[in-house]
Amino acid sequence: MIFAIIDLGTNTFNLLIAERQQNATFRKVYNTRIAVKLGEGTINQGFIAPAPFQRGIDALKQFQVYLKEFNVEETFAFATSAIRSASNGPEFVKQAKKEAGISVITIDGNEEADLIYHGNRMAVKMNDDVSLIMDIGGGSTEFILANQSTVFWKQSFLLGAARLLDKFKLSDPLTPEEASRFNQYLREELAPLFEAVKSYKSVELIGSSGAFDSVIDVIAGEFQTAELNEHQTEYSVNLEHYFYISDKIKRTTLKDRYYIKGLIDMRVDMIVISVLLIDFILIELGLNKMRVSTFSLKEGVISQRLGLALS
């Protein structure tokens, strides 16, 4: 059976088409994404503006073309932070069905974090030690403290890159004063995380896809290390390399970032926020190990909703 998973993220709509195998595994057939930036201009006002609303519907119409091209038999589409927190989110879901023929389920932050955990567990080798999984979205960022068998704590925070970029309106390039103010805001907002790590001390950070994929590719461009490839789902990050490219990114202007090798265009505006978030977590929690998982919510849906493992 050919099936599809659609992740309607705040910045990007992601489509994964896969084939169910006979031995309860799946094989990826096609993977693509479209930048929609649903939160553009109004994410902190609680609604989706007309232009990004239409971009989102148009993206789903394009996905429908792929669904027909690959003879997809069943589609699972999930909406996350931007749609669930928007006053016109239900209208978007209605129009997705009417105009694109795609039924969308809006999930809450708790379920999103759970699916992210299961997607990451499929991609990276975990053990009995507690890892901190971090997924930076456009509207929210999810944190999960877990090991290979148990989720000890999880929470979704309204700290997505698009939401924070809109709130802070950082200079180009970022100033030290802005970075300091940003970190103080995170200290206040992430108090529940700091409380949780007192009980469940994590040994590493596992970055979940998205901006973390760009971290791998930018490090590869700078240091000639391995870049992302479709056959590898887990990457270890040299933290000296990471902090080097983080500092470089924070010193650049928006125009400069278009020329950073490995950084795709759709991430040039929000990558500064993303590395600020990653820096903060690594430094504040004293973590000296980081891995990146190329799997996230989509693969978590396959694991939890369909009960399949990667072939």
C-alpha atoms as a PDB file:
ATOM      1  CA  MET A   1       0.000   0.000   0.000  1.00  0.00           C
ATOM      2  CA  ILE A   2       1.199   3.496  -0.860  1.00  0.00           C
ATOM      3  CA  PHE A   3       0.409   6.087   1.829  1.00  0.00           C
ATOM      4  CA  ALA A   4       1.295   9.718   2.518  1.00  0.00           C
ATOM      5  CA  ILE A   5       2.012  11.786   5.618  1.00  0.00           C
ATOM      6  CA  ILE A   6       1.615  15.567   5.463  1.00  0.00           C
ATOM      7  CA  ASP A   7       3.004  17.767   8.235  1.00  0.00           C
ATOM      8  CA  LEU A   8       1.426  21.229   8.026  1.00  0.00           C
ATOM      9  CA  GLY A   9       4.093  23.178   9.868  1.00  0.00           C
ATOM     10  CA  THR A  10       4.133  26.898  10.531  1.00  0.00           C
ATOM     11  CA  ASN A  11       6.950  27.627   8.072  1.00  0.00           C
ATOM     12  CA  THR A  12       6.902  24.583   5.854  1.00  0.00           C
ATOM     13  CA  PHE A  13       4.423  21.984   4.647  1.00  0.00           C
ATOM     14  CA  ASN A  14       6.167  18.599   4.377  1.00  0.00           C
ATOM     15  CA  LEU A  15       5.021  15.626   2.326  1.00  0.00           C
ATOM     16  CA  LEU A  16       6.298  12.081   2.721  1.00  0.00           C
ATOM     17  CA  ILE A  17       5.026   9.320   0.434  1.00  0.00           C
ATOM     18  CA  ALA A  18       5.939   5.789   1.467  1.00  0.00           C
ATOM     19  CA  GLU A  19       5.102   2.174   0.749  1.00  0.00           C
ATOM     20  CA  ARG A  20       3.998  -0.286   3.403  1.00  0.00           C
ATOM     21  CA  GLN A  21       6.058  -3.507   3.218  1.00  0.00           C
ATOM     22  CA  GLN A  22       4.850  -6.981   4.098  1.00  0.00           C
ATOM     23  CA  ASN A  23       7.062  -7.297   7.192  1.00  0.00           C
ATOM     24  CA  ALA A  24       5.535  -4.290   9.028  1.00  0.00           C
ATOM     25  CA  THR A  25       8.129  -1.897   7.651  1.00  0.00           C
ATOM     26  CA  PHE A  26       7.941   1.016   5.225  1.00  0.00           C
ATOM     27  CA  ARG A  27      10.018   2.292   2.334  1.00  0.00           C
ATOM     28  CA  LYS A  28      10.229   5.976   1.472  1.00  0.00           C
ATOM     29  CA  VAL A  29       9.079   6.712  -2.073  1.00  0.00           C
ATOM     30  CA  TYR A  30       9.032  10.503  -2.325  1.00  0.00           C
ATOM     31  CA  ASN A  31       9.741  13.404   0.001  1.00  0.00           C
ATOM     32  CA  THR A  32       9.235  17.131  -0.610  1.00  0.00           C
ATOM     33  CA  ARG A  33       8.443  20.372   1.169  1.00  0.00           C
ATOM     34  CA  ILE A  34       6.999  23.769   0.323  1.00  0.00           C
ATOM     35  CA  ALA A  35       7.744  26.971   2.256  1.00  0.00           C
ATOM     36  CA  VAL A  36       4.408  28.575   3.203  1.00  0.00           C
ATOM     37  CA  LYS A  37       5.258  30.828   6.187  1.00  0.00           C
ATOM     38  CA  LEU A  38       1.727  30.715   7.590  1.00  0.00           C
ATOM     39  CA  GLY A  39       2.663  33.023  10.437  1.00  0.00           C
ATOM     40  CA  GLU A  40       3.972  35.829   8.248  1.00  0.00           C
ATOM     41  CA  GLY A  41       3.089  39.176   9.811  1.00  0.00           C
ATOM     42  CA  THR A  42       0.381  37.939  12.165  1.00  0.00           C
ATOM     43  CA  ILE A  43       1.652  34.883  14.052  1.00  0.00           C
ATOM     44  CA  ASN A  44       1.571  36.658  17.417  1.00  0.00           C
ATOM     45  CA  GLN A  45      -1.827  38.168  16.671  1.00  0.00           C
ATOM     46  CA  GLY A  46      -3.494  34.767  16.492  1.00  0.00           C
ATOM     47  CA  PHE A  47      -4.654  34.486  12.897  1.00  0.00           C
ATOM     48  CA  ILE A  48      -3.385  33.525   9.446  1.00  0.00           C
ATOM     49  CA  ALA A  49      -3.275  36.487   7.059  1.00  0.00           C
ATOM     50  CA  PRO A  50      -4.849  36.129   3.581  1.00  0.00           C
ATOM     51  CA  ALA A  51      -1.592  35.769   1.601  1.00  0.00           C
ATOM     52  CA  PRO A  52      -0.043  32.956   3.687  1.00  0.00           C
ATOM     53  CA  PHE A  53      -3.491  31.348   4.026  1.00  0.00           C
ATOM     54  CA  GLN A  54      -3.635  31.053   0.235  1.00  0.00           C
ATOM     55  CA  ARG A  55      -0.011  29.877   0.050  1.00  0.00           C
ATOM     56  CA  GLY A  56      -0.916  27.045   2.381  1.00  0.00           C
ATOM     57  CA  ILE A  57      -3.936  26.004   0.313  1.00  0.00           C
ATOM     58  CA  ASP A  58      -1.895  26.206  -2.897  1.00  0.00           C
ATOM     59  CA  ALA A  59       0.787  23.984  -1.332  1.00  0.00           C
ATOM     60  CA  LEU A  60      -1.824  21.366  -0.481  1.00  0.00           C
ATOM     61  CA  LYS A  61      -3.179  21.533  -4.040  1.00  0.00           C
ATOM     62  CA  GLN A  62       0.344  20.807  -5.283  1.00  0.00           C
ATOM     63  CA  PHE A  63       0.624  17.931  -2.833  1.00  0.00           C
ATOM     64  CA  GLN A  64      -2.636  16.542  -4.214  1.00  0.00           C
ATOM     65  CA  VAL A  65      -0.966  16.374  -7.633  1.00  0.00           C
ATOM     66  CA  TYR A  66       1.795  14.223  -6.122  1.00  0.00           C
ATOM     67  CA  LEU A  67      -0.735  12.043  -4.307  1.00  0.00           C
ATOM     68  CA  LYS A  68      -2.380  11.217  -7.624  1.00  0.00           C
ATOM     69  CA  GLU A  69       0.934  10.820  -9.450  1.00  0.00           C
ATOM     70  CA  PHE A  70       2.140   8.206  -6.957  1.00  0.00           C
ATOM     71  CA  ASN A  71      -1.274   6.513  -6.627  1.00  0.00           C
ATOM     72  CA  VAL A  72      -1.466   7.195  -2.892  1.00  0.00           C
ATOM     73  CA  GLU A  73      -4.209   5.123  -1.273  1.00  0.00           C
ATOM     74  CA  GLU A  74      -4.348   6.745   2.167  1.00  0.00           C
ATOM     75  CA  THR A  75      -3.279  10.186   3.397  1.00  0.00           C
ATOM     76  CA  PHE A  76      -2.680  11.380   6.959  1.00  0.00           C
ATOM     77  CA  ALA A  77      -2.382  15.179   7.319  1.00  0.00           C
ATOM     78  CA  PHE A  78      -1.602  16.909  10.612  1.00  0.00           C
ATOM     79  CA  ALA A  79      -1.703  20.614  11.452  1.00  0.00           C
ATOM     80  CA  THR A  80       0.489  22.024  14.204  1.00  0.00           C
ATOM     81  CA  SER A  81       1.160  25.325  15.991  1.00  0.00           C
ATOM     82  CA  ALA A  82       0.210  28.023  13.460  1.00  0.00           C
ATOM     83  CA  ILE A  83      -3.115  26.423  12.566  1.00  0.00           C
ATOM     84  CA  ARG A  84      -4.071  25.222  16.046  1.00  0.00           C
ATOM     85  CA  SER A  85      -3.417  28.668  17.582  1.00  0.00           C
ATOM     86  CA  ALA A  86      -5.063  30.723  14.822  1.00  0.00           C
ATOM     87  CA  SER A  87      -8.626  31.973  15.132  1.00  0.00           C
ATOM     88  CA  ASN A  88      -9.137  31.047  11.472  1.00  0.00           C
ATOM     89  CA  GLY A  89      -7.371  27.700  11.812  1.00  0.00           C
ATOM     90  CA  PRO A  90     -10.690  25.795  11.555  1.00  0.00           C
ATOM     91  CA  GLU A  91     -11.457  27.730   8.363  1.00  0.00           C
ATOM     92  CA  PHE A  92      -8.088  26.691   6.927  1.00  0.00           C
ATOM     93  CA  VAL A  93      -8.858  23.040   7.681  1.00  0.00           C
ATOM     94  CA  LYS A  94     -12.261  23.432   6.011  1.00  0.00           C
ATOM     95  CA  GLN A  95     -10.748  25.018   2.894  1.00  0.00           C
ATOM     96  CA  ALA A  96      -8.016  22.353   2.737  1.00  0.00           C
ATOM     97  CA  LYS A  97     -10.728  19.739   2.336  1.00  0.00           C
ATOM     98  CA  LYS A  98     -12.854  21.822  -0.037  1.00  0.00           C
ATOM     99  CA  GLU A  99     -10.128  23.120  -2.369  1.00  0.00           C
ATOM    100  CA  ALA A 100      -7.359  20.510  -2.117  1.00  0.00           C
ATOM    101  CA  GLY A 101      -9.347  17.428  -1.147  1.00  0.00           C
ATOM    102  CA  ILE A 102      -7.144  16.785   1.891  1.00  0.00           C
ATOM    103  CA  SER A 103      -8.609  16.080   5.332  1.00  0.00           C
ATOM    104  CA  VAL A 104      -6.492  17.684   8.049  1.00  0.00           C
ATOM    105  CA  ILE A 105      -6.364  16.757  11.743  1.00  0.00           C
ATOM    106  CA  THR A 106      -5.212  19.496  14.133  1.00  0.00           C
ATOM    107  CA  ILE A 107      -3.113  18.049  16.961  1.00  0.00           C
ATOM    108  CA  ASP A 108      -2.233  19.690  20.264  1.00  0.00           C
ATOM    109  CA  GLY A 109       1.300  20.337  21.490  1.00  0.00           C
ATOM    110  CA  ASN A 110       1.312  17.301  23.754  1.00  0.00           C
ATOM    111  CA  GLU A 111       0.555  14.906  20.901  1.00  0.00           C
ATOM    112  CA  GLU A 112       3.007  16.715  18.651  1.00  0.00           C
ATOM    113  CA  ALA A 113       5.787  16.167  21.211  1.00  0.00           C
ATOM    114  CA  ASP A 114       4.829  12.493  21.517  1.00  0.00           C
ATOM    115  CA  LEU A 115       4.987  11.948  17.755  1.00  0.00           C
ATOM    116  CA  ILE A 116       8.323  13.769  17.575  1.00  0.00           C
ATOM    117  CA  TYR A 117       9.720  11.405  20.205  1.00  0.00           C
ATOM    118  CA  HIS A 118       8.649   8.317  18.298  1.00  0.00           C
ATOM    119  CA  GLY A 119      10.037   9.707  15.057  1.00  0.00           C
ATOM    120  CA  ASN A 120      13.392  10.459  16.681  1.00  0.00           C
ATOM    121  CA  ARG A 121      13.556   7.100  18.409  1.00  0.00           C
ATOM    122  CA  MET A 122      13.231   5.461  15.001  1.00  0.00           C
ATOM    123  CA  ALA A 123      16.178   7.466  13.661  1.00  0.00           C
ATOM    124  CA  VAL A 124      18.738   7.546  16.484  1.00  0.00           C
ATOM    125  CA  LYS A 125      20.120   4.839  18.734  1.00  0.00           C
ATOM    126  CA  MET A 126      19.012   5.628  22.261  1.00  0.00           C
ATOM    127  CA  ASN A 127      19.769   3.684  25.461  1.00  0.00           C
ATOM    128  CA  ASP A 128      18.824   3.890  29.140  1.00  0.00           C
ATOM    129  CA  ASP A 129      20.375   7.352  29.525  1.00  0.00           C
ATOM    130  CA  VAL A 130      18.059  10.348  29.338  1.00  0.00           C
ATOM    131  CA  SER A 131      18.317  12.479  26.201  1.00  0.00           C
ATOM    132  CA  LEU A 132      16.765  15.886  25.623  1.00  0.00           C
ATOM    133  CA  ILE A 133      15.014  15.945  22.244  1.00  0.00           C
ATOM    134  CA  MET A 134      14.441  19.410  20.802  1.00  0.00           C
ATOM    135  CA  ASP A 135      12.292  20.201  17.765  1.00  0.00           C
ATOM    136  CA  ILE A 136      12.355  23.825  16.593  1.00  0.00           C
ATOM    137  CA  GLY A 137       9.256  24.633  14.599  1.00  0.00           C
ATOM    138  CA  GLY A 138       7.995  27.915  13.259  1.00  0.00           C
ATOM    139  CA  GLY A 139       5.236  28.366  15.804  1.00  0.00           C
ATOM    140  CA  SER A 140       6.376  26.174  18.684  1.00  0.00           C
ATOM    141  CA  THR A 141       9.389  24.311  20.005  1.00  0.00           C
ATOM    142  CA  GLU A 142       8.963  20.912  21.620  1.00  0.00           C
ATOM    143  CA  PHE A 143      11.203  19.467  24.331  1.00  0.00           C
ATOM    144  CA  ILE A 144      11.113  15.813  25.358  1.00  0.00           C
ATOM    145  CA  LEU A 145      13.162  14.153  28.111  1.00  0.00           C
ATOM    146  CA  ALA A 146      13.274  10.454  27.280  1.00  0.00           C
ATOM    147  CA  ASN A 147      15.315   7.313  26.805  1.00  0.00           C
ATOM    148  CA  GLN A 148      14.849   4.356  24.461  1.00  0.00           C
ATOM    149  CA  SER A 149      11.732   3.103  26.230  1.00  0.00           C
ATOM    150  CA  THR A 150      10.162   5.935  28.233  1.00  0.00           C
ATOM    151  CA  VAL A 151       9.089   9.554  27.895  1.00  0.00           C
ATOM    152  CA  PHE A 152       9.698  11.106  31.321  1.00  0.00           C
ATOM    153  CA  TRP A 153       8.568  14.634  30.500  1.00  0.00           C
ATOM    154  CA  LYS A 154       7.493  16.593  27.438  1.00  0.00           C
ATOM    155  CA  GLN A 155       6.146  20.053  26.694  1.00  0.00           C
ATOM    156  CA  SER A 156       5.416  22.264  23.716  1.00  0.00           C
ATOM    157  CA  PHE A 157       6.365  25.932  24.116  1.00  0.00           C
ATOM    158  CA  LEU A 158       5.244  28.889  22.008  1.00  0.00           C
ATOM    159  CA  LEU A 159       8.881  29.504  21.121  1.00  0.00           C
ATOM    160  CA  GLY A 160       8.938  28.727  17.419  1.00  0.00           C
ATOM    161  CA  ALA A 161      11.424  30.523  15.189  1.00  0.00           C
ATOM    162  CA  ALA A 162       8.784  32.500  13.271  1.00  0.00           C
ATOM    163  CA  ARG A 163       7.001  33.511  16.474  1.00  0.00           C
ATOM    164  CA  LEU A 164      10.244  34.650  18.127  1.00  0.00           C
ATOM    165  CA  LEU A 165      11.472  36.461  15.019  1.00  0.00           C
ATOM    166  CA  ASP A 166       8.216  38.412  14.883  1.00  0.00           C
ATOM    167  CA  LYS A 167       8.384  39.213  18.582  1.00  0.00           C
ATOM    168  CA  PHE A 168      12.012  40.338  18.789  1.00  0.00           C
ATOM    169  CA  LYS A 169      12.547  41.881  15.335  1.00  0.00           C
ATOM    170  CA  LEU A 170      16.314  41.454  15.602  1.00  0.00           C
ATOM    171  CA  SER A 171      18.793  43.829  13.988  1.00  0.00           C
ATOM    172  CA  ASP A 172      20.681  42.856  10.863  1.00  0.00           C
ATOM    173  CA  PRO A 173      23.132  41.658  12.060  1.00  0.00           C
ATOM    174  CA  LEU A 174      22.206  40.672  15.609  1.00  0.00           C
ATOM    175  CA  THR A 175      23.605  42.825  18.434  1.00  0.00           C
ATOM    176  CA  PRO A 176      25.007  41.437  21.729  1.00  0.00           C
ATOM    177  CA  GLU A 177      22.331  43.337  23.654  1.00  0.00           C
ATOM    178  CA  GLU A 178      19.586  41.638  21.655  1.00  0.00           C
ATOM    179  CA  ALA A 179      21.135  38.219  22.255  1.00  0.00           C
ATOM    180  CA  SER A 180      21.239  38.926  25.993  1.00  0.00           C
ATOM    181  CA  ARG A 181      17.608  40.061  26.038  1.00  0.00           C
ATOM    182  CA  PHE A 182      16.596  36.996  24.033  1.00  0.00           C
ATOM    183  CA  ASN A 183      18.350  34.639  26.458  1.00  0.00           C
ATOM    184  CA  GLN A 184      16.684  36.265  29.444  1.00  0.00           C
ATOM    185  CA  TYR A 185      13.297  35.727  27.803  1.00  0.00           C
ATOM    186  CA  LEU A 186      14.135  32.039  27.288  1.00  0.00           C
ATOM    187  CA  ARG A 187      15.160  31.671  30.943  1.00  0.00           C
ATOM    188  CA  GLU A 188      11.739  32.878  31.985  1.00  0.00           C
ATOM    189  CA  GLU A 189       9.710  30.961  29.405  1.00  0.00           C
ATOM    190  CA  LEU A 190      11.581  27.677  29.808  1.00  0.00           C
ATOM    191  CA  ALA A 191      11.326  27.510  33.600  1.00  0.00           C
ATOM    192  CA  PRO A 192       9.311  24.229  33.375  1.00  0.00           C
ATOM    193  CA  LEU A 193      12.144  22.640  31.379  1.00  0.00           C
ATOM    194  CA  PHE A 194      14.758  23.676  33.928  1.00  0.00           C
ATOM    195  CA  GLU A 195      12.602  22.208  36.681  1.00  0.00           C
ATOM    196  CA  ALA A 196      12.196  18.937  34.766  1.00  0.00           C
ATOM    197  CA  VAL A 197      15.920  18.451  34.148  1.00  0.00           C
ATOM    198  CA  LYS A 198      16.499  18.549  37.909  1.00  0.00           C
ATOM    199  CA  SER A 199      14.726  15.199  38.082  1.00  0.00           C
ATOM    200  CA  TYR A 200      15.760  13.823  34.690  1.00  0.00           C
ATOM    201  CA  LYS A 201      19.291  14.961  33.979  1.00  0.00           C
ATOM    202  CA  SER A 202      19.956  14.623  30.274  1.00  0.00           C
ATOM    203  CA  VAL A 203      23.295  13.502  28.885  1.00  0.00           C
ATOM    204  CA  GLU A 204      22.901  14.945  25.396  1.00  0.00           C
ATOM    205  CA  LEU A 205      20.820  17.060  23.062  1.00  0.00           C
ATOM    206  CA  ILE A 206      19.100  15.359  20.131  1.00  0.00           C
ATOM    207  CA  GLY A 207      18.092  17.905  17.520  1.00  0.00           C
ATOM    208  CA  SER A 208      15.059  16.916  15.523  1.00  0.00           C
ATOM    209  CA  SER A 209      15.272  17.622  11.792  1.00  0.00           C
ATOM    210  CA  GLY A 210      14.357  21.139  10.525  1.00  0.00           C
ATOM    211  CA  ALA A 211      16.948  23.736  11.522  1.00  0.00           C
ATOM    212  CA  PHE A 212      19.200  20.957  12.805  1.00  0.00           C
ATOM    213  CA  ASP A 213      19.404  19.565   9.266  1.00  0.00           C
ATOM    214  CA  SER A 214      20.818  22.929   8.228  1.00  0.00           C
ATOM    215  CA  VAL A 215      23.356  22.747  11.063  1.00  0.00           C
ATOM    216  CA  ILE A 216      24.695  19.491   9.587  1.00  0.00           C
ATOM    217  CA  ASP A 217      24.861  20.897   6.062  1.00  0.00           C
ATOM    218  CA  VAL A 218      26.482  24.196   7.092  1.00  0.00           C
ATOM    219  CA  ILE A 219      29.119  22.343   9.146  1.00  0.00           C
ATOM    220  CA  ALA A 220      29.715  20.117   6.105  1.00  0.00           C
ATOM    221  CA  GLY A 221      30.173  23.188   3.924  1.00  0.00           C
ATOM    222  CA  GLU A 222      32.602  24.768   6.381  1.00  0.00           C
ATOM    223  CA  PHE A 223      34.623  21.738   7.498  1.00  0.00           C
ATOM    224  CA  GLN A 224      34.150  19.211   4.648  1.00  0.00           C
ATOM    225  CA  THR A 225      32.381  16.739   6.929  1.00  0.00           C
ATOM    226  CA  ALA A 226      29.501  14.467   5.881  1.00  0.00           C
ATOM    227  CA  GLU A 227      26.408  16.306   4.677  1.00  0.00           C
ATOM    228  CA  LEU A 228      22.862  14.995   4.882  1.00  0.00           C
ATOM    229  CA  ASN A 229      22.079  11.998   2.718  1.00  0.00           C
ATOM    230  CA  GLU A 230      18.907   9.941   2.365  1.00  0.00           C
ATOM    231  CA  HIS A 231      20.478   6.750   3.710  1.00  0.00           C
ATOM    232  CA  GLN A 232      21.610   8.173   7.069  1.00  0.00           C
ATOM    233  CA  THR A 233      19.183   9.158   9.817  1.00  0.00           C
ATOM    234  CA  GLU A 234      21.565  10.059  12.668  1.00  0.00           C
ATOM    235  CA  TYR A 235      24.507  12.455  12.828  1.00  0.00           C
ATOM    236  CA  SER A 236      26.939  13.252  15.645  1.00  0.00           C
ATOM    237  CA  VAL A 237      27.872  16.909  15.893  1.00  0.00           C
ATOM    238  CA  ASN A 238      31.330  18.183  16.823  1.00  0.00           C
ATOM    239  CA  LEU A 239      30.411  21.007  19.225  1.00  0.00           C
ATOM    240  CA  GLU A 240      33.513  23.024  18.366  1.00  0.00           C
ATOM    241  CA  HIS A 241      32.335  22.975  14.757  1.00  0.00           C
ATOM    242  CA  TYR A 242      28.796  23.810  15.831  1.00  0.00           C
ATOM    243  CA  PHE A 243      29.756  26.872  17.901  1.00  0.00           C
ATOM    244  CA  TYR A 244      32.023  28.076  15.100  1.00  0.00           C
ATOM    245  CA  ILE A 245      29.196  28.089  12.547  1.00  0.00           C
ATOM    246  CA  SER A 246      26.739  29.432  15.147  1.00  0.00           C
ATOM    247  CA  ASP A 247      28.994  32.438  15.810  1.00  0.00           C
ATOM    248  CA  LYS A 248      29.444  32.920  12.073  1.00  0.00           C
ATOM    249  CA  ILE A 249      25.688  32.882  11.460  1.00  0.00           C
ATOM    250  CA  LYS A 250      25.038  35.354  14.275  1.00  0.00           C
ATOM    251  CA  ARG A 251      27.545  37.813  12.800  1.00  0.00           C
ATOM    252  CA  THR A 252      26.045  37.774   9.314  1.00  0.00           C
ATOM    253  CA  THR A 253      23.414  39.922   7.681  1.00  0.00           C
ATOM    254  CA  LEU A 254      20.404  38.428   5.948  1.00  0.00           C
ATOM    255  CA  LYS A 255      22.063  39.070   2.576  1.00  0.00           C
ATOM    256  CA  ASP A 256      25.269  37.353   3.714  1.00  0.00           C
ATOM    257  CA  ARG A 257      23.402  34.226   4.768  1.00  0.00           C
ATOM    258  CA  TYR A 258      22.274  33.506   1.221  1.00  0.00           C
ATOM    259  CA  TYR A 259      25.935  32.749   0.475  1.00  0.00           C
ATOM    260  CA  ILE A 260      26.561  30.379   3.392  1.00  0.00           C
ATOM    261  CA  LYS A 261      27.228  26.974   1.895  1.00  0.00           C
ATOM    262  CA  GLY A 262      24.688  24.387   3.022  1.00  0.00           C
ATOM    263  CA  LEU A 263      22.065  26.880   4.186  1.00  0.00           C
ATOM    264  CA  ILE A 264      18.905  26.617   2.087  1.00  0.00           C
ATOM    265  CA  ASP A 265      17.072  29.811   1.158  1.00  0.00           C
ATOM    266  CA  MET A 266      13.934  29.037   3.163  1.00  0.00           C
ATOM    267  CA  ARG A 267      15.974  29.108   6.403  1.00  0.00           C
ATOM    268  CA  VAL A 268      18.110  32.225   5.953  1.00  0.00           C
ATOM    269  CA  ASP A 269      15.699  34.491   7.831  1.00  0.00           C
ATOM    270  CA  MET A 270      15.083  32.240  10.862  1.00  0.00           C
ATOM    271  CA  ILE A 271      18.419  30.453  11.269  1.00  0.00           C
ATOM    272  CA  VAL A 272      19.719  33.142  13.676  1.00  0.00           C
ATOM    273  CA  ILE A 273      16.798  32.506  16.033  1.00  0.00           C
ATOM    274  CA  SER A 274      17.382  28.763  15.709  1.00  0.00           C
ATOM    275  CA  VAL A 275      21.077  28.893  16.654  1.00  0.00           C
ATOM    276  CA  LEU A 276      20.274  31.249  19.531  1.00  0.00           C
ATOM    277  CA  LEU A 277      17.844  28.618  20.824  1.00  0.00           C
ATOM    278  CA  ILE A 278      20.336  25.784  20.374  1.00  0.00           C
ATOM    279  CA  ASP A 279      23.177  27.792  21.957  1.00  0.00           C
ATOM    280  CA  PHE A 280      21.005  28.604  24.947  1.00  0.00           C
ATOM    281  CA  ILE A 281      20.037  24.975  25.607  1.00  0.00           C
ATOM    282  CA  LEU A 282      23.574  23.615  25.212  1.00  0.00           C
ATOM    283  CA  ILE A 283      25.122  26.284  27.452  1.00  0.00           C
ATOM    284  CA  GLU A 284      22.438  26.661  30.120  1.00  0.00           C
ATOM    285  CA  LEU A 285      22.075  22.896  30.606  1.00  0.00           C
ATOM    286  CA  GLY A 286      25.791  22.192  30.302  1.00  0.00           C
ATOM    287  CA  LEU A 287      25.348  19.622  27.552  1.00  0.00           C
ATOM    288  CA  ASN A 288      28.548  18.490  25.842  1.00  0.00           C
ATOM    289  CA  LYS A 289      27.089  16.093  23.293  1.00  0.00           C
ATOM    290  CA  MET A 290      24.692  16.707  20.408  1.00  0.00           C
ATOM    291  CA  ARG A 291      23.233  14.426  17.788  1.00  0.00           C
ATOM    292  CA  VAL A 292      20.839  15.217  14.962  1.00  0.00           C
ATOM    293  CA  SER A 293      17.907  13.068  13.867  1.00  0.00           C
ATOM    294  CA  THR A 294      16.605  13.486  10.327  1.00  0.00           C
ATOM    295  CA  PHE A 295      13.248  12.039  11.445  1.00  0.00           C
ATOM    296  CA  SER A 296      10.527  13.950  13.242  1.00  0.00           C
ATOM    297  CA  LEU A 297       6.743  14.189  13.332  1.00  0.00           C
ATOM    298  CA  LYS A 298       6.062  12.515   9.966  1.00  0.00           C
ATOM    299  CA  GLU A 299       7.992   9.403  10.885  1.00  0.00           C
ATOM    300  CA  GLY A 300       6.446   9.454  14.354  1.00  0.00           C
ATOM    301  CA  VAL A 301       3.024   9.247  12.723  1.00  0.00           C
ATOM    302  CA  ILE A 302       4.171   6.217  10.740  1.00  0.00           C
ATOM    303  CA  SER A 303       5.470   4.556  13.896  1.00  0.00           C
ATOM    304  CA  GLN A 304       2.487   5.350  16.141  1.00  0.00           C
ATOM    305  CA  ARG A 305      -0.506   5.484  13.802  1.00  0.00           C
ATOM    306  CA  LEU A 306       0.569   2.765  11.361  1.00  0.00           C
ATOM    307  CA  GLY A 307       2.820   0.639  13.570  1.00  0.00           C
ATOM    308  CA  LEU A 308       5.591   0.480  10.965  1.00  0.00           C
ATOM    309  CA  ALA A 309       9.372   0.539  11.250  1.00  0.00           C
ATOM    310  CA  LEU A 310      11.935   1.711   8.701  1.00  0.00           C
ATOM    311  CA  SER A 311      12.928  -1.065   6.299  1.00  0.00           C
END
